[in-house]
Amino acid sequence: MLFLVVLAAYLMLSLYSYQDTDPGWSYVGPDQVINNAGGRVGAWLADLLLSLFGFFSWLFPFVAVINIFKMLRYRYQSWQWQVWLVLFRFVGFMLALCCCAALVSLNYHFIGVELSAGSGGIVGSLLIDKCLPV
């Protein structure tokens, strides 16, 4: 549970302090000054998530916080590892994330000008290009 708390806080901090001039996944710049509060790893991770999923990359720390509350709520119950349930939830989360990125890319393309791949990211742009008729 403590790992999820630290991970969610680090992701939120890295996404919040994202600068497009920091060296990362989609931009190679001078490595003297990194403005991201998460450091070099935080700048790279924020750039990767924002480039792939756009504004919906904020769902990753949100889902981590939801899992923290679920762990606190059911902390006295026995826990069993069920691979099919974890896989089913992961696939559902990824499908919802891709659909939301496509919807944001389709409807709110004008607000993502500061992001390198737009408001829906690469995934949203790719889904819109493949699904809409020419």
C-alpha atoms as a PDB file:
ATOM      1  CA  MET A   1       0.000   0.000   0.000  1.00  0.00           C
ATOM      2  CA  LEU A   2       2.841   2.390   0.792  1.00  0.00           C
ATOM      3  CA  PHE A   3       4.353   1.669  -2.618  1.00  0.00           C
ATOM      4  CA  LEU A   4       1.099   2.787  -4.286  1.00  0.00           C
ATOM      5  CA  VAL A   5       1.012   5.966  -2.188  1.00  0.00           C
ATOM      6  CA  VAL A   6       4.547   6.869  -3.235  1.00  0.00           C
ATOM      7  CA  LEU A   7       3.892   5.906  -6.861  1.00  0.00           C
ATOM      8  CA  ALA A   8       0.689   7.965  -7.067  1.00  0.00           C
ATOM      9  CA  ALA A   9       2.347  11.000  -5.458  1.00  0.00           C
ATOM     10  CA  TYR A  10       5.380  10.720  -7.749  1.00  0.00           C
ATOM     11  CA  LEU A  11       3.204  10.401 -10.860  1.00  0.00           C
ATOM     12  CA  MET A  12       1.057  13.368  -9.838  1.00  0.00           C
ATOM     13  CA  LEU A  13       4.124  15.465  -9.105  1.00  0.00           C
ATOM     14  CA  SER A  14       5.803  14.498 -12.377  1.00  0.00           C
ATOM     15  CA  LEU A  15       2.682  15.137 -14.461  1.00  0.00           C
ATOM     16  CA  TYR A  16       1.948  18.421 -12.715  1.00  0.00           C
ATOM     17  CA  SER A  17       5.454  19.794 -13.224  1.00  0.00           C
ATOM     18  CA  TYR A  18       5.730  18.664 -16.862  1.00  0.00           C
ATOM     19  CA  GLN A  19       7.724  20.965 -19.123  1.00  0.00           C
ATOM     20  CA  ASP A  20       7.947  20.262 -22.832  1.00  0.00           C
ATOM     21  CA  THR A  21      11.571  21.457 -22.883  1.00  0.00           C
ATOM     22  CA  ASP A  22      12.760  18.780 -20.447  1.00  0.00           C
ATOM     23  CA  PRO A  23      14.633  15.877 -22.034  1.00  0.00           C
ATOM     24  CA  GLY A  24      12.277  12.948 -22.270  1.00  0.00           C
ATOM     25  CA  TRP A  25      10.714  10.399 -24.546  1.00  0.00           C
ATOM     26  CA  SER A  26       9.743  12.754 -27.364  1.00  0.00           C
ATOM     27  CA  TYR A  27      12.232  15.585 -26.877  1.00  0.00           C
ATOM     28  CA  VAL A  28      15.991  15.531 -26.516  1.00  0.00           C
ATOM     29  CA  GLY A  29      17.252  18.798 -25.150  1.00  0.00           C
ATOM     30  CA  PRO A  30      20.140  20.060 -23.115  1.00  0.00           C
ATOM     31  CA  ASP A  31      20.493  18.009 -19.963  1.00  0.00           C
ATOM     32  CA  GLN A  32      21.921  20.750 -17.741  1.00  0.00           C
ATOM     33  CA  VAL A  33      18.578  21.927 -16.316  1.00  0.00           C
ATOM     34  CA  ILE A  34      15.584  19.676 -15.692  1.00  0.00           C
ATOM     35  CA  ASN A  35      12.524  21.604 -14.549  1.00  0.00           C
ATOM     36  CA  ASN A  36      10.418  18.581 -13.622  1.00  0.00           C
ATOM     37  CA  ALA A  37      10.065  18.009  -9.892  1.00  0.00           C
ATOM     38  CA  GLY A  38      10.417  14.256 -10.444  1.00  0.00           C
ATOM     39  CA  GLY A  39      13.892  14.639 -11.874  1.00  0.00           C
ATOM     40  CA  ARG A  40      15.099  12.958 -15.034  1.00  0.00           C
ATOM     41  CA  VAL A  41      12.919   9.862 -14.541  1.00  0.00           C
ATOM     42  CA  GLY A  42       9.866  11.973 -13.774  1.00  0.00           C
ATOM     43  CA  ALA A  43      10.395  14.111 -16.866  1.00  0.00           C
ATOM     44  CA  TRP A  44      10.787  11.031 -19.055  1.00  0.00           C
ATOM     45  CA  LEU A  45       7.761   9.281 -17.515  1.00  0.00           C
ATOM     46  CA  ALA A  46       5.528  12.361 -17.746  1.00  0.00           C
ATOM     47  CA  ASP A  47       6.574  12.910 -21.343  1.00  0.00           C
ATOM     48  CA  LEU A  48       5.863   9.273 -22.209  1.00  0.00           C
ATOM     49  CA  LEU A  49       2.422   9.208 -20.574  1.00  0.00           C
ATOM     50  CA  LEU A  50       1.351  12.600 -21.919  1.00  0.00           C
ATOM     51  CA  SER A  51       2.583  11.740 -25.402  1.00  0.00           C
ATOM     52  CA  LEU A  52       0.773   8.391 -25.469  1.00  0.00           C
ATOM     53  CA  PHE A  53      -2.506   9.212 -23.720  1.00  0.00           C
ATOM     54  CA  GLY A  54      -2.718  12.997 -23.530  1.00  0.00           C
ATOM     55  CA  PHE A  55      -4.717  14.467 -20.678  1.00  0.00           C
ATOM     56  CA  PHE A  56      -6.024  11.072 -19.649  1.00  0.00           C
ATOM     57  CA  SER A  57      -2.590  10.078 -18.393  1.00  0.00           C
ATOM     58  CA  TRP A  58      -3.868  11.571 -15.134  1.00  0.00           C
ATOM     59  CA  LEU A  59      -5.933   8.388 -14.765  1.00  0.00           C
ATOM     60  CA  PHE A  60      -2.845   6.417 -13.724  1.00  0.00           C
ATOM     61  CA  PRO A  61      -2.354   8.180 -10.364  1.00  0.00           C
ATOM     62  CA  PHE A  62      -6.137   8.342  -9.913  1.00  0.00           C
ATOM     63  CA  VAL A  63      -6.434   4.558 -10.261  1.00  0.00           C
ATOM     64  CA  ALA A  64      -3.540   4.104  -7.832  1.00  0.00           C
ATOM     65  CA  VAL A  65      -5.376   6.259  -5.262  1.00  0.00           C
ATOM     66  CA  ILE A  66      -8.567   4.238  -5.784  1.00  0.00           C
ATOM     67  CA  ASN A  67      -6.618   1.037  -5.170  1.00  0.00           C
ATOM     68  CA  ILE A  68      -5.167   2.524  -1.981  1.00  0.00           C
ATOM     69  CA  PHE A  69      -8.669   3.236  -0.669  1.00  0.00           C
ATOM     70  CA  LYS A  70      -9.784  -0.273  -1.617  1.00  0.00           C
ATOM     71  CA  MET A  71      -6.820  -1.725   0.271  1.00  0.00           C
ATOM     72  CA  LEU A  72      -7.700   0.338   3.326  1.00  0.00           C
ATOM     73  CA  ARG A  73     -11.351  -0.633   3.165  1.00  0.00           C
ATOM     74  CA  TYR A  74     -10.717  -4.378   2.872  1.00  0.00           C
ATOM     75  CA  ARG A  75      -7.552  -4.575   4.953  1.00  0.00           C
ATOM     76  CA  TYR A  76      -8.952  -7.147   7.422  1.00  0.00           C
ATOM     77  CA  GLN A  77     -10.254  -9.538   4.798  1.00  0.00           C
ATOM     78  CA  SER A  78      -8.144 -12.319   3.380  1.00  0.00           C
ATOM     79  CA  TRP A  79      -6.751 -11.640  -0.065  1.00  0.00           C
ATOM     80  CA  GLN A  80      -6.258 -14.203  -2.790  1.00  0.00           C
ATOM     81  CA  TRP A  81      -4.390 -13.671  -6.028  1.00  0.00           C
ATOM     82  CA  GLN A  82      -6.689 -14.201  -9.015  1.00  0.00           C
ATOM     83  CA  VAL A  83      -4.842 -13.799 -12.279  1.00  0.00           C
ATOM     84  CA  TRP A  84      -7.946 -13.700 -14.469  1.00  0.00           C
ATOM     85  CA  LEU A  85      -9.479 -10.900 -12.401  1.00  0.00           C
ATOM     86  CA  VAL A  86      -6.325  -8.760 -12.517  1.00  0.00           C
ATOM     87  CA  LEU A  87      -6.014  -9.353 -16.264  1.00  0.00           C
ATOM     88  CA  PHE A  88      -9.687  -8.536 -16.829  1.00  0.00           C
ATOM     89  CA  ARG A  89      -9.413  -5.285 -14.871  1.00  0.00           C
ATOM     90  CA  PHE A  90      -6.188  -4.293 -16.640  1.00  0.00           C
ATOM     91  CA  VAL A  91      -7.688  -4.890 -20.089  1.00  0.00           C
ATOM     92  CA  GLY A  92     -10.812  -2.931 -19.095  1.00  0.00           C
ATOM     93  CA  PHE A  93      -8.708  -0.045 -17.808  1.00  0.00           C
ATOM     94  CA  MET A  94      -6.627   0.065 -20.984  1.00  0.00           C
ATOM     95  CA  LEU A  95      -9.730  -0.046 -23.205  1.00  0.00           C
ATOM     96  CA  ALA A  96     -11.358   2.752 -21.216  1.00  0.00           C
ATOM     97  CA  LEU A  97      -8.142   4.777 -21.371  1.00  0.00           C
ATOM     98  CA  CYS A  98      -7.863   4.334 -25.145  1.00  0.00           C
ATOM     99  CA  CYS A  99     -11.525   5.242 -25.704  1.00  0.00           C
ATOM    100  CA  CYS A 100     -11.260   8.332 -23.501  1.00  0.00           C
ATOM    101  CA  ALA A 101      -8.083   9.421 -25.299  1.00  0.00           C
ATOM    102  CA  ALA A 102      -9.862   9.044 -28.646  1.00  0.00           C
ATOM    103  CA  LEU A 103     -12.864  11.057 -27.444  1.00  0.00           C
ATOM    104  CA  VAL A 104     -10.660  13.832 -26.099  1.00  0.00           C
ATOM    105  CA  SER A 105      -8.652  13.858 -29.320  1.00  0.00           C
ATOM    106  CA  LEU A 106     -11.850  14.112 -31.352  1.00  0.00           C
ATOM    107  CA  ASN A 107     -13.744  16.702 -29.322  1.00  0.00           C
ATOM    108  CA  TYR A 108     -11.110  18.777 -27.531  1.00  0.00           C
ATOM    109  CA  HIS A 109      -8.283  18.974 -30.048  1.00  0.00           C
ATOM    110  CA  PHE A 110      -7.933  22.720 -29.508  1.00  0.00           C
ATOM    111  CA  ILE A 111      -6.860  22.528 -25.839  1.00  0.00           C
ATOM    112  CA  GLY A 112      -3.865  20.258 -26.315  1.00  0.00           C
ATOM    113  CA  VAL A 113      -1.633  22.644 -28.188  1.00  0.00           C
ATOM    114  CA  GLU A 114       1.038  22.605 -25.463  1.00  0.00           C
ATOM    115  CA  LEU A 115       1.315  18.808 -25.634  1.00  0.00           C
ATOM    116  CA  SER A 116       3.504  17.301 -28.314  1.00  0.00           C
ATOM    117  CA  ALA A 117       0.887  14.799 -29.542  1.00  0.00           C
ATOM    118  CA  GLY A 118      -2.283  16.776 -28.803  1.00  0.00           C
ATOM    119  CA  SER A 119      -4.927  16.445 -26.123  1.00  0.00           C
ATOM    120  CA  GLY A 120      -5.596  12.740 -26.773  1.00  0.00           C
ATOM    121  CA  GLY A 121      -2.025  11.740 -27.338  1.00  0.00           C
ATOM    122  CA  ILE A 122      -0.708   9.333 -29.914  1.00  0.00           C
ATOM    123  CA  VAL A 123      -3.253   6.661 -29.015  1.00  0.00           C
ATOM    124  CA  GLY A 124      -6.206   9.015 -29.385  1.00  0.00           C
ATOM    125  CA  SER A 125      -4.947  10.423 -32.680  1.00  0.00           C
ATOM    126  CA  LEU A 126      -4.275   6.947 -34.040  1.00  0.00           C
ATOM    127  CA  LEU A 127      -7.727   5.668 -33.072  1.00  0.00           C
ATOM    128  CA  ILE A 128      -9.430   8.718 -34.591  1.00  0.00           C
ATOM    129  CA  ASP A 129      -7.447   8.369 -37.830  1.00  0.00           C
ATOM    130  CA  LYS A 130      -8.268   4.665 -38.132  1.00  0.00           C
ATOM    131  CA  CYS A 131     -11.933   4.799 -37.097  1.00  0.00           C
ATOM    132  CA  LEU A 132     -13.249   7.893 -38.828  1.00  0.00           C
ATOM    133  CA  PRO A 133     -14.153   7.672 -42.507  1.00  0.00           C
ATOM    134  CA  VAL A 134     -11.934   9.560 -44.896  1.00  0.00           C
END
